[in-house]
Amino acid sequence: MASVRSRGTRRGLRLVAVAYVLVLVAVPVGVVAWRAIDQGAATFWSSISGPDAVHAFQLTGEVAGIAVVINTVFGVTVALLLARYRFIGRGALNLLVDVPVSISPIIVGLALILVFGWTTGWFGHGLQNAGIQIIFATPGMVLATVFVSLPLVVREVLPVLEEAGLDQELAARSLGANALQRLRRITLPTIRWALAYGVVLSVARCLGEFGAVRVVSGNVSGSTQTLTLLVDERAEQFEPGAYQMSVILIAVAALCIIAISLVRPAEEK
């Protein structure tokens, strides 16, 4: 009887989980894809090949690429710091890494304006005099994107480092390996799949960022308008292109996650 109840419970939980994913993920994504295809191949191509769309693709790739590189370097460094060392403020640093998860991206954009804005920012006027523009330019968009995607690499790599421990590191040090050799031959091979998954998640998050980027970019068509901002503009004005460009964003993120899941060894999953 207990076994029957257990099987019934498992089936019920599976049904709830599948229904939850279908309602919140699969159905909305499917509707967007269907609306994009339903408008025809000609509309699809013209929507993603226009000058504004091409520039938005290029700018999105540039901003996301820079942000991912920064967060990869920062993520590995902070994960190593938290996993390998004990220091005053370690708990505070660990909490600060998760701050972007709990703060609205709109507030992130506003905070960046208050710090780097030309008229009201703490450093904006000095930077402007030096010929450096942060807000309403690519650097501000990169900063906003970096902030909102900051925890992803750290939270993927940190548990792997903590589980691996220090035995191999200490053994390598006793054999004369320097810090760079230990990083290249021990640390990076240990975290390679966690790092790869963290990078993939960071790519997906950076490509889809909207709120913070909208605040700091100015949303100027052909200048500071990323793909998500262009999708929002087309949707608000009921112009063709919103569904088609949304499908491209969804496809890129999905392909990245699927690819890393397929190549990741079974023992690492």
C-alpha atoms as a PDB file:
ATOM      1  CA  MET A   1       0.000   0.000   0.000  1.00  0.00           C
ATOM      2  CA  ALA A   2       2.806   2.396   0.915  1.00  0.00           C
ATOM      3  CA  SER A   3       4.527   1.660  -2.387  1.00  0.00           C
ATOM      4  CA  VAL A   4       1.324   2.405  -4.309  1.00  0.00           C
ATOM      5  CA  ARG A   5       0.910   5.689  -2.454  1.00  0.00           C
ATOM      6  CA  SER A   6       4.531   6.569  -3.145  1.00  0.00           C
ATOM      7  CA  ARG A   7       4.096   5.966  -6.870  1.00  0.00           C
ATOM      8  CA  GLY A   8       0.899   8.003  -6.853  1.00  0.00           C
ATOM      9  CA  THR A   9       2.653  10.858  -5.087  1.00  0.00           C
ATOM     10  CA  ARG A  10       5.515  10.811  -7.590  1.00  0.00           C
ATOM     11  CA  ARG A  11       3.114  10.852 -10.519  1.00  0.00           C
ATOM     12  CA  GLY A  12       1.144  13.696  -8.980  1.00  0.00           C
ATOM     13  CA  LEU A  13       4.309  15.726  -8.410  1.00  0.00           C
ATOM     14  CA  ARG A  14       5.440  15.067 -11.975  1.00  0.00           C
ATOM     15  CA  LEU A  15       2.091  16.172 -13.309  1.00  0.00           C
ATOM     16  CA  VAL A  16       2.226  19.384 -11.288  1.00  0.00           C
ATOM     17  CA  ALA A  17       5.812  20.088 -12.392  1.00  0.00           C
ATOM     18  CA  VAL A  18       5.050  19.457 -16.068  1.00  0.00           C
ATOM     19  CA  ALA A  19       1.888  21.570 -15.935  1.00  0.00           C
ATOM     20  CA  TYR A  20       3.781  24.377 -14.212  1.00  0.00           C
ATOM     21  CA  VAL A  21       6.521  24.414 -16.875  1.00  0.00           C
ATOM     22  CA  LEU A  22       3.997  24.187 -19.700  1.00  0.00           C
ATOM     23  CA  VAL A  23       1.877  27.085 -18.448  1.00  0.00           C
ATOM     24  CA  LEU A  24       4.719  29.435 -17.528  1.00  0.00           C
ATOM     25  CA  VAL A  25       7.351  28.564 -20.144  1.00  0.00           C
ATOM     26  CA  ALA A  26       6.352  26.288 -23.006  1.00  0.00           C
ATOM     27  CA  VAL A  27       2.991  27.835 -23.884  1.00  0.00           C
ATOM     28  CA  PRO A  28       4.144  31.505 -23.944  1.00  0.00           C
ATOM     29  CA  VAL A  29       7.291  30.625 -25.898  1.00  0.00           C
ATOM     30  CA  GLY A  30       5.256  28.501 -28.293  1.00  0.00           C
ATOM     31  CA  VAL A  31       2.781  31.323 -28.887  1.00  0.00           C
ATOM     32  CA  VAL A  32       5.592  33.776 -29.666  1.00  0.00           C
ATOM     33  CA  ALA A  33       7.186  31.288 -32.075  1.00  0.00           C
ATOM     34  CA  TRP A  34       3.870  30.590 -33.768  1.00  0.00           C
ATOM     35  CA  ARG A  35       3.084  34.302 -34.212  1.00  0.00           C
ATOM     36  CA  ALA A  36       6.537  34.843 -35.722  1.00  0.00           C
ATOM     37  CA  ILE A  37       6.149  31.979 -38.195  1.00  0.00           C
ATOM     38  CA  ASP A  38       2.504  32.761 -38.932  1.00  0.00           C
ATOM     39  CA  GLN A  39       3.421  36.153 -40.384  1.00  0.00           C
ATOM     40  CA  GLY A  40       5.411  34.484 -43.151  1.00  0.00           C
ATOM     41  CA  ALA A  41       9.040  33.987 -44.124  1.00  0.00           C
ATOM     42  CA  ALA A  42       9.265  37.310 -45.975  1.00  0.00           C
ATOM     43  CA  THR A  43       8.114  39.262 -42.928  1.00  0.00           C
ATOM     44  CA  PHE A  44      10.449  37.254 -40.721  1.00  0.00           C
ATOM     45  CA  TRP A  45      13.487  38.041 -42.874  1.00  0.00           C
ATOM     46  CA  SER A  46      12.656  41.708 -43.379  1.00  0.00           C
ATOM     47  CA  SER A  47      12.107  42.113 -39.631  1.00  0.00           C
ATOM     48  CA  ILE A  48      15.538  40.794 -38.676  1.00  0.00           C
ATOM     49  CA  SER A  49      17.525  42.250 -41.591  1.00  0.00           C
ATOM     50  CA  GLY A  50      16.525  45.924 -41.442  1.00  0.00           C
ATOM     51  CA  PRO A  51      19.142  48.546 -40.483  1.00  0.00           C
ATOM     52  CA  ASP A  52      17.765  49.091 -36.977  1.00  0.00           C
ATOM     53  CA  ALA A  53      17.553  45.336 -36.346  1.00  0.00           C
ATOM     54  CA  VAL A  54      21.078  44.690 -37.631  1.00  0.00           C
ATOM     55  CA  HIS A  55      22.489  47.448 -35.428  1.00  0.00           C
ATOM     56  CA  ALA A  56      20.522  46.119 -32.451  1.00  0.00           C
ATOM     57  CA  PHE A  57      21.950  42.634 -33.044  1.00  0.00           C
ATOM     58  CA  GLN A  58      25.490  44.032 -33.234  1.00  0.00           C
ATOM     59  CA  LEU A  59      25.119  46.199 -30.139  1.00  0.00           C
ATOM     60  CA  THR A  60      23.512  43.388 -28.147  1.00  0.00           C
ATOM     61  CA  GLY A  61      26.360  41.051 -29.068  1.00  0.00           C
ATOM     62  CA  GLU A  62      28.964  43.668 -28.151  1.00  0.00           C
ATOM     63  CA  VAL A  63      27.419  44.508 -24.780  1.00  0.00           C
ATOM     64  CA  ALA A  64      26.720  40.881 -23.888  1.00  0.00           C
ATOM     65  CA  GLY A  65      30.187  39.745 -24.985  1.00  0.00           C
ATOM     66  CA  ILE A  66      32.011  42.319 -22.876  1.00  0.00           C
ATOM     67  CA  ALA A  67      29.762  41.684 -19.879  1.00  0.00           C
ATOM     68  CA  VAL A  68      30.264  37.916 -20.066  1.00  0.00           C
ATOM     69  CA  VAL A  69      34.047  38.259 -20.195  1.00  0.00           C
ATOM     70  CA  ILE A  70      34.041  40.603 -17.187  1.00  0.00           C
ATOM     71  CA  ASN A  71      31.724  38.371 -15.190  1.00  0.00           C
ATOM     72  CA  THR A  72      33.723  35.248 -16.061  1.00  0.00           C
ATOM     73  CA  VAL A  73      36.970  36.732 -14.766  1.00  0.00           C
ATOM     74  CA  PHE A  74      35.236  38.287 -11.761  1.00  0.00           C
ATOM     75  CA  GLY A  75      33.207  35.147 -11.054  1.00  0.00           C
ATOM     76  CA  VAL A  76      36.193  32.797 -10.989  1.00  0.00           C
ATOM     77  CA  THR A  77      38.227  35.244  -8.884  1.00  0.00           C
ATOM     78  CA  VAL A  78      35.482  35.757  -6.282  1.00  0.00           C
ATOM     79  CA  ALA A  79      34.656  32.032  -6.173  1.00  0.00           C
ATOM     80  CA  LEU A  80      38.321  31.221  -5.508  1.00  0.00           C
ATOM     81  CA  LEU A  81      38.474  33.920  -2.851  1.00  0.00           C
ATOM     82  CA  LEU A  82      35.370  32.644  -1.055  1.00  0.00           C
ATOM     83  CA  ALA A  83      36.284  28.966  -1.333  1.00  0.00           C
ATOM     84  CA  ARG A  84      39.993  29.102  -0.522  1.00  0.00           C
ATOM     85  CA  TYR A  85      40.379  31.905   2.022  1.00  0.00           C
ATOM     86  CA  ARG A  86      38.921  33.059   5.323  1.00  0.00           C
ATOM     87  CA  PHE A  87      39.051  36.819   5.890  1.00  0.00           C
ATOM     88  CA  ILE A  88      37.199  39.667   7.559  1.00  0.00           C
ATOM     89  CA  GLY A  89      34.205  40.609   5.450  1.00  0.00           C
ATOM     90  CA  ARG A  90      33.926  37.225   3.716  1.00  0.00           C
ATOM     91  CA  GLY A  91      30.282  36.858   4.742  1.00  0.00           C
ATOM     92  CA  ALA A  92      29.485  40.364   3.543  1.00  0.00           C
ATOM     93  CA  LEU A  93      31.126  39.683   0.179  1.00  0.00           C
ATOM     94  CA  ASN A  94      29.163  36.450  -0.140  1.00  0.00           C
ATOM     95  CA  LEU A  95      25.936  38.361   0.478  1.00  0.00           C
ATOM     96  CA  LEU A  96      26.839  41.199  -1.877  1.00  0.00           C
ATOM     97  CA  VAL A  97      27.277  38.745  -4.739  1.00  0.00           C
ATOM     98  CA  ASP A  98      23.564  37.931  -4.489  1.00  0.00           C
ATOM     99  CA  VAL A  99      22.398  41.555  -4.299  1.00  0.00           C
ATOM    100  CA  PRO A 100      21.646  41.796  -8.060  1.00  0.00           C
ATOM    101  CA  VAL A 101      19.124  38.960  -7.693  1.00  0.00           C
ATOM    102  CA  SER A 102      17.081  40.896  -5.138  1.00  0.00           C
ATOM    103  CA  ILE A 103      17.230  44.370  -6.725  1.00  0.00           C
ATOM    104  CA  SER A 104      15.006  45.449  -9.586  1.00  0.00           C
ATOM    105  CA  PRO A 105      16.982  46.165 -12.790  1.00  0.00           C
ATOM    106  CA  ILE A 106      15.213  49.537 -12.990  1.00  0.00           C
ATOM    107  CA  ILE A 107      16.777  50.496  -9.661  1.00  0.00           C
ATOM    108  CA  VAL A 108      20.156  49.325 -10.930  1.00  0.00           C
ATOM    109  CA  GLY A 109      19.845  51.677 -13.898  1.00  0.00           C
ATOM    110  CA  LEU A 110      18.791  54.558 -11.672  1.00  0.00           C
ATOM    111  CA  ALA A 111      21.722  53.934  -9.329  1.00  0.00           C
ATOM    112  CA  LEU A 112      24.153  54.010 -12.253  1.00  0.00           C
ATOM    113  CA  ILE A 113      22.715  57.343 -13.381  1.00  0.00           C
ATOM    114  CA  LEU A 114      23.123  58.755  -9.875  1.00  0.00           C
ATOM    115  CA  VAL A 115      26.760  57.658  -9.865  1.00  0.00           C
ATOM    116  CA  PHE A 116      27.826  58.305 -13.481  1.00  0.00           C
ATOM    117  CA  GLY A 117      25.214  60.754 -14.802  1.00  0.00           C
ATOM    118  CA  TRP A 118      26.614  63.962 -16.266  1.00  0.00           C
ATOM    119  CA  THR A 119      24.459  66.422 -14.260  1.00  0.00           C
ATOM    120  CA  THR A 120      23.635  64.540 -11.027  1.00  0.00           C
ATOM    121  CA  GLY A 121      26.239  61.771 -10.860  1.00  0.00           C
ATOM    122  CA  TRP A 122      29.088  61.715  -8.390  1.00  0.00           C
ATOM    123  CA  PHE A 123      31.688  61.001 -11.086  1.00  0.00           C
ATOM    124  CA  GLY A 124      29.767  61.956 -14.204  1.00  0.00           C
ATOM    125  CA  HIS A 125      30.974  65.540 -14.571  1.00  0.00           C
ATOM    126  CA  GLY A 126      34.628  64.618 -14.144  1.00  0.00           C
ATOM    127  CA  LEU A 127      34.351  61.744 -16.588  1.00  0.00           C
ATOM    128  CA  GLN A 128      32.569  63.959 -19.098  1.00  0.00           C
ATOM    129  CA  ASN A 129      35.331  66.560 -18.850  1.00  0.00           C
ATOM    130  CA  ALA A 130      37.822  63.780 -19.529  1.00  0.00           C
ATOM    131  CA  GLY A 131      35.884  62.821 -22.653  1.00  0.00           C
ATOM    132  CA  ILE A 132      34.434  59.637 -21.162  1.00  0.00           C
ATOM    133  CA  GLN A 133      30.668  59.127 -21.450  1.00  0.00           C
ATOM    134  CA  ILE A 134      29.126  56.352 -19.380  1.00  0.00           C
ATOM    135  CA  ILE A 135      25.401  57.024 -19.300  1.00  0.00           C
ATOM    136  CA  PHE A 136      23.536  56.951 -22.634  1.00  0.00           C
ATOM    137  CA  ALA A 137      26.501  55.134 -24.165  1.00  0.00           C
ATOM    138  CA  THR A 138      27.847  51.600 -24.480  1.00  0.00           C
ATOM    139  CA  PRO A 139      29.928  51.670 -21.237  1.00  0.00           C
ATOM    140  CA  GLY A 140      26.818  52.343 -19.151  1.00  0.00           C
ATOM    141  CA  MET A 141      24.952  49.545 -20.891  1.00  0.00           C
ATOM    142  CA  VAL A 142      27.849  47.187 -20.200  1.00  0.00           C
ATOM    143  CA  LEU A 143      27.933  48.185 -16.526  1.00  0.00           C
ATOM    144  CA  ALA A 144      24.195  47.616 -16.184  1.00  0.00           C
ATOM    145  CA  THR A 145      24.420  44.225 -17.867  1.00  0.00           C
ATOM    146  CA  VAL A 146      27.412  43.187 -15.771  1.00  0.00           C
ATOM    147  CA  PHE A 147      25.580  44.092 -12.579  1.00  0.00           C
ATOM    148  CA  VAL A 148      22.411  42.120 -13.269  1.00  0.00           C
ATOM    149  CA  SER A 149      24.305  38.991 -14.379  1.00  0.00           C
ATOM    150  CA  LEU A 150      27.032  39.174 -11.736  1.00  0.00           C
ATOM    151  CA  PRO A 151      26.083  36.159  -9.516  1.00  0.00           C
ATOM    152  CA  LEU A 152      25.677  33.540 -12.255  1.00  0.00           C
ATOM    153  CA  VAL A 153      29.282  32.402 -12.729  1.00  0.00           C
ATOM    154  CA  VAL A 154      30.115  32.723  -9.029  1.00  0.00           C
ATOM    155  CA  ARG A 155      27.195  30.551  -7.906  1.00  0.00           C
ATOM    156  CA  GLU A 156      27.996  27.833 -10.441  1.00  0.00           C
ATOM    157  CA  VAL A 157      31.723  27.658  -9.670  1.00  0.00           C
ATOM    158  CA  LEU A 158      31.754  28.136  -5.884  1.00  0.00           C
ATOM    159  CA  PRO A 159      30.052  24.824  -4.879  1.00  0.00           C
ATOM    160  CA  VAL A 160      32.428  22.853  -7.115  1.00  0.00           C
ATOM    161  CA  LEU A 161      35.474  24.488  -5.542  1.00  0.00           C
ATOM    162  CA  GLU A 162      34.143  23.858  -2.045  1.00  0.00           C
ATOM    163  CA  GLU A 163      33.466  20.206  -2.853  1.00  0.00           C
ATOM    164  CA  ALA A 164      36.893  19.694  -4.432  1.00  0.00           C
ATOM    165  CA  GLY A 165      38.682  20.963  -1.338  1.00  0.00           C
ATOM    166  CA  LEU A 166      42.351  21.881  -1.040  1.00  0.00           C
ATOM    167  CA  ASP A 167      44.098  18.485  -1.144  1.00  0.00           C
ATOM    168  CA  GLN A 168      45.191  18.654  -4.781  1.00  0.00           C
ATOM    169  CA  GLU A 169      46.182  22.315  -4.452  1.00  0.00           C
ATOM    170  CA  LEU A 170      48.356  21.585  -1.418  1.00  0.00           C
ATOM    171  CA  ALA A 171      49.922  18.560  -3.078  1.00  0.00           C
ATOM    172  CA  ALA A 172      50.794  20.596  -6.164  1.00  0.00           C
ATOM    173  CA  ARG A 173      52.236  23.377  -4.017  1.00  0.00           C
ATOM    174  CA  SER A 174      54.403  20.894  -2.129  1.00  0.00           C
ATOM    175  CA  LEU A 175      55.767  19.682  -5.467  1.00  0.00           C
ATOM    176  CA  GLY A 176      56.783  23.214  -6.410  1.00  0.00           C
ATOM    177  CA  ALA A 177      53.881  24.327  -8.618  1.00  0.00           C
ATOM    178  CA  ASN A 178      53.334  28.070  -8.574  1.00  0.00           C
ATOM    179  CA  ALA A 179      49.929  29.771  -8.421  1.00  0.00           C
ATOM    180  CA  LEU A 180      49.535  30.045 -12.205  1.00  0.00           C
ATOM    181  CA  GLN A 181      50.439  26.387 -12.729  1.00  0.00           C
ATOM    182  CA  ARG A 182      47.976  25.298 -10.059  1.00  0.00           C
ATOM    183  CA  LEU A 183      45.243  27.423 -11.652  1.00  0.00           C
ATOM    184  CA  ARG A 184      45.898  26.046 -15.148  1.00  0.00           C
ATOM    185  CA  ARG A 185      46.434  22.380 -14.281  1.00  0.00           C
ATOM    186  CA  ILE A 186      44.183  21.827 -11.269  1.00  0.00           C
ATOM    187  CA  THR A 187      41.626  24.562 -10.666  1.00  0.00           C
ATOM    188  CA  LEU A 188      40.401  25.184 -14.208  1.00  0.00           C
ATOM    189  CA  PRO A 189      40.037  21.478 -15.102  1.00  0.00           C
ATOM    190  CA  THR A 190      38.112  20.979 -11.869  1.00  0.00           C
ATOM    191  CA  ILE A 191      35.626  23.780 -12.525  1.00  0.00           C
ATOM    192  CA  ARG A 192      35.503  23.623 -16.329  1.00  0.00           C
ATOM    193  CA  TRP A 193      31.928  22.364 -16.645  1.00  0.00           C
ATOM    194  CA  ALA A 194      30.571  24.531 -13.853  1.00  0.00           C
ATOM    195  CA  LEU A 195      32.331  27.490 -15.443  1.00  0.00           C
ATOM    196  CA  ALA A 196      30.966  26.613 -18.875  1.00  0.00           C
ATOM    197  CA  TYR A 197      27.415  26.377 -17.529  1.00  0.00           C
ATOM    198  CA  GLY A 198      27.816  29.633 -15.632  1.00  0.00           C
ATOM    199  CA  VAL A 199      29.053  31.351 -18.795  1.00  0.00           C
ATOM    200  CA  VAL A 200      26.096  29.992 -20.772  1.00  0.00           C
ATOM    201  CA  LEU A 201      23.638  31.261 -18.171  1.00  0.00           C
ATOM    202  CA  SER A 202      25.441  34.600 -18.167  1.00  0.00           C
ATOM    203  CA  VAL A 203      25.193  34.818 -21.964  1.00  0.00           C
ATOM    204  CA  ALA A 204      21.455  34.125 -21.854  1.00  0.00           C
ATOM    205  CA  ARG A 205      20.931  36.666 -19.079  1.00  0.00           C
ATOM    206  CA  CYS A 206      23.014  39.357 -20.788  1.00  0.00           C
ATOM    207  CA  LEU A 207      21.255  38.908 -24.123  1.00  0.00           C
ATOM    208  CA  GLY A 208      17.851  39.278 -22.496  1.00  0.00           C
ATOM    209  CA  GLU A 209      18.538  42.200 -20.164  1.00  0.00           C
ATOM    210  CA  PHE A 210      15.988  44.984 -20.529  1.00  0.00           C
ATOM    211  CA  GLY A 211      15.174  47.144 -17.502  1.00  0.00           C
ATOM    212  CA  ALA A 212      18.588  48.400 -16.418  1.00  0.00           C
ATOM    213  CA  VAL A 213      19.782  48.846 -19.995  1.00  0.00           C
ATOM    214  CA  ARG A 214      16.692  50.826 -20.916  1.00  0.00           C
ATOM    215  CA  VAL A 215      17.315  53.304 -18.099  1.00  0.00           C
ATOM    216  CA  VAL A 216      20.987  53.948 -18.880  1.00  0.00           C
ATOM    217  CA  SER A 217      20.938  53.670 -22.671  1.00  0.00           C
ATOM    218  CA  GLY A 218      18.500  56.363 -23.707  1.00  0.00           C
ATOM    219  CA  ASN A 219      17.003  53.846 -26.170  1.00  0.00           C
ATOM    220  CA  VAL A 220      18.073  55.758 -29.280  1.00  0.00           C
ATOM    221  CA  SER A 221      17.255  53.815 -32.434  1.00  0.00           C
ATOM    222  CA  GLY A 222      20.377  52.968 -34.418  1.00  0.00           C
ATOM    223  CA  SER A 223      22.650  54.137 -31.602  1.00  0.00           C
ATOM    224  CA  THR A 224      21.970  52.764 -28.106  1.00  0.00           C
ATOM    225  CA  GLN A 225      19.063  50.421 -28.797  1.00  0.00           C
ATOM    226  CA  THR A 226      19.666  46.756 -28.009  1.00  0.00           C
ATOM    227  CA  LEU A 227      17.540  43.932 -29.333  1.00  0.00           C
ATOM    228  CA  THR A 228      15.286  43.759 -26.279  1.00  0.00           C
ATOM    229  CA  LEU A 229      14.659  47.494 -26.453  1.00  0.00           C
ATOM    230  CA  LEU A 230      13.827  47.229 -30.148  1.00  0.00           C
ATOM    231  CA  VAL A 231      11.420  44.365 -29.445  1.00  0.00           C
ATOM    232  CA  ASP A 232       9.697  46.493 -26.809  1.00  0.00           C
ATOM    233  CA  GLU A 233       9.438  49.454 -29.194  1.00  0.00           C
ATOM    234  CA  ARG A 234       8.003  47.337 -32.008  1.00  0.00           C
ATOM    235  CA  ALA A 235       5.517  45.686 -29.646  1.00  0.00           C
ATOM    236  CA  GLU A 236       4.312  49.016 -28.246  1.00  0.00           C
ATOM    237  CA  GLN A 237       3.844  50.475 -31.730  1.00  0.00           C
ATOM    238  CA  PHE A 238       2.303  47.284 -33.145  1.00  0.00           C
ATOM    239  CA  GLU A 239       4.991  47.151 -35.824  1.00  0.00           C
ATOM    240  CA  PRO A 240       6.271  43.904 -37.383  1.00  0.00           C
ATOM    241  CA  GLY A 241       9.422  42.453 -35.891  1.00  0.00           C
ATOM    242  CA  ALA A 242       8.717  41.997 -32.185  1.00  0.00           C
ATOM    243  CA  TYR A 243       7.877  38.287 -32.453  1.00  0.00           C
ATOM    244  CA  GLN A 244      10.602  37.537 -34.964  1.00  0.00           C
ATOM    245  CA  MET A 245      13.406  39.123 -32.944  1.00  0.00           C
ATOM    246  CA  SER A 246      12.059  37.553 -29.760  1.00  0.00           C
ATOM    247  CA  VAL A 247      12.327  34.146 -31.408  1.00  0.00           C
ATOM    248  CA  ILE A 248      15.973  34.846 -32.279  1.00  0.00           C
ATOM    249  CA  LEU A 249      16.759  35.720 -28.653  1.00  0.00           C
ATOM    250  CA  ILE A 250      14.931  32.649 -27.375  1.00  0.00           C
ATOM    251  CA  ALA A 251      16.640  30.396 -29.908  1.00  0.00           C
ATOM    252  CA  VAL A 252      20.153  31.627 -29.065  1.00  0.00           C
ATOM    253  CA  ALA A 253      19.636  31.172 -25.313  1.00  0.00           C
ATOM    254  CA  ALA A 254      18.007  27.754 -25.762  1.00  0.00           C
ATOM    255  CA  LEU A 255      20.730  26.512 -28.122  1.00  0.00           C
ATOM    256  CA  CYS A 256      23.462  27.554 -25.696  1.00  0.00           C
ATOM    257  CA  ILE A 257      21.841  25.690 -22.803  1.00  0.00           C
ATOM    258  CA  ILE A 258      21.089  22.612 -24.918  1.00  0.00           C
ATOM    259  CA  ALA A 259      24.623  22.509 -26.312  1.00  0.00           C
ATOM    260  CA  ILE A 260      26.300  22.636 -22.913  1.00  0.00           C
ATOM    261  CA  SER A 261      23.884  20.026 -21.556  1.00  0.00           C
ATOM    262  CA  LEU A 262      24.693  17.652 -24.424  1.00  0.00           C
ATOM    263  CA  VAL A 263      28.475  17.944 -24.238  1.00  0.00           C
ATOM    264  CA  ARG A 264      28.658  17.899 -20.449  1.00  0.00           C
ATOM    265  CA  PRO A 265      29.788  14.449 -19.229  1.00  0.00           C
ATOM    266  CA  ALA A 266      27.153  12.430 -17.396  1.00  0.00           C
ATOM    267  CA  GLU A 267      29.225  12.294 -14.216  1.00  0.00           C
ATOM    268  CA  GLU A 268      29.356  16.108 -14.141  1.00  0.00           C
ATOM    269  CA  LYS A 269      25.586  16.614 -14.463  1.00  0.00           C
END
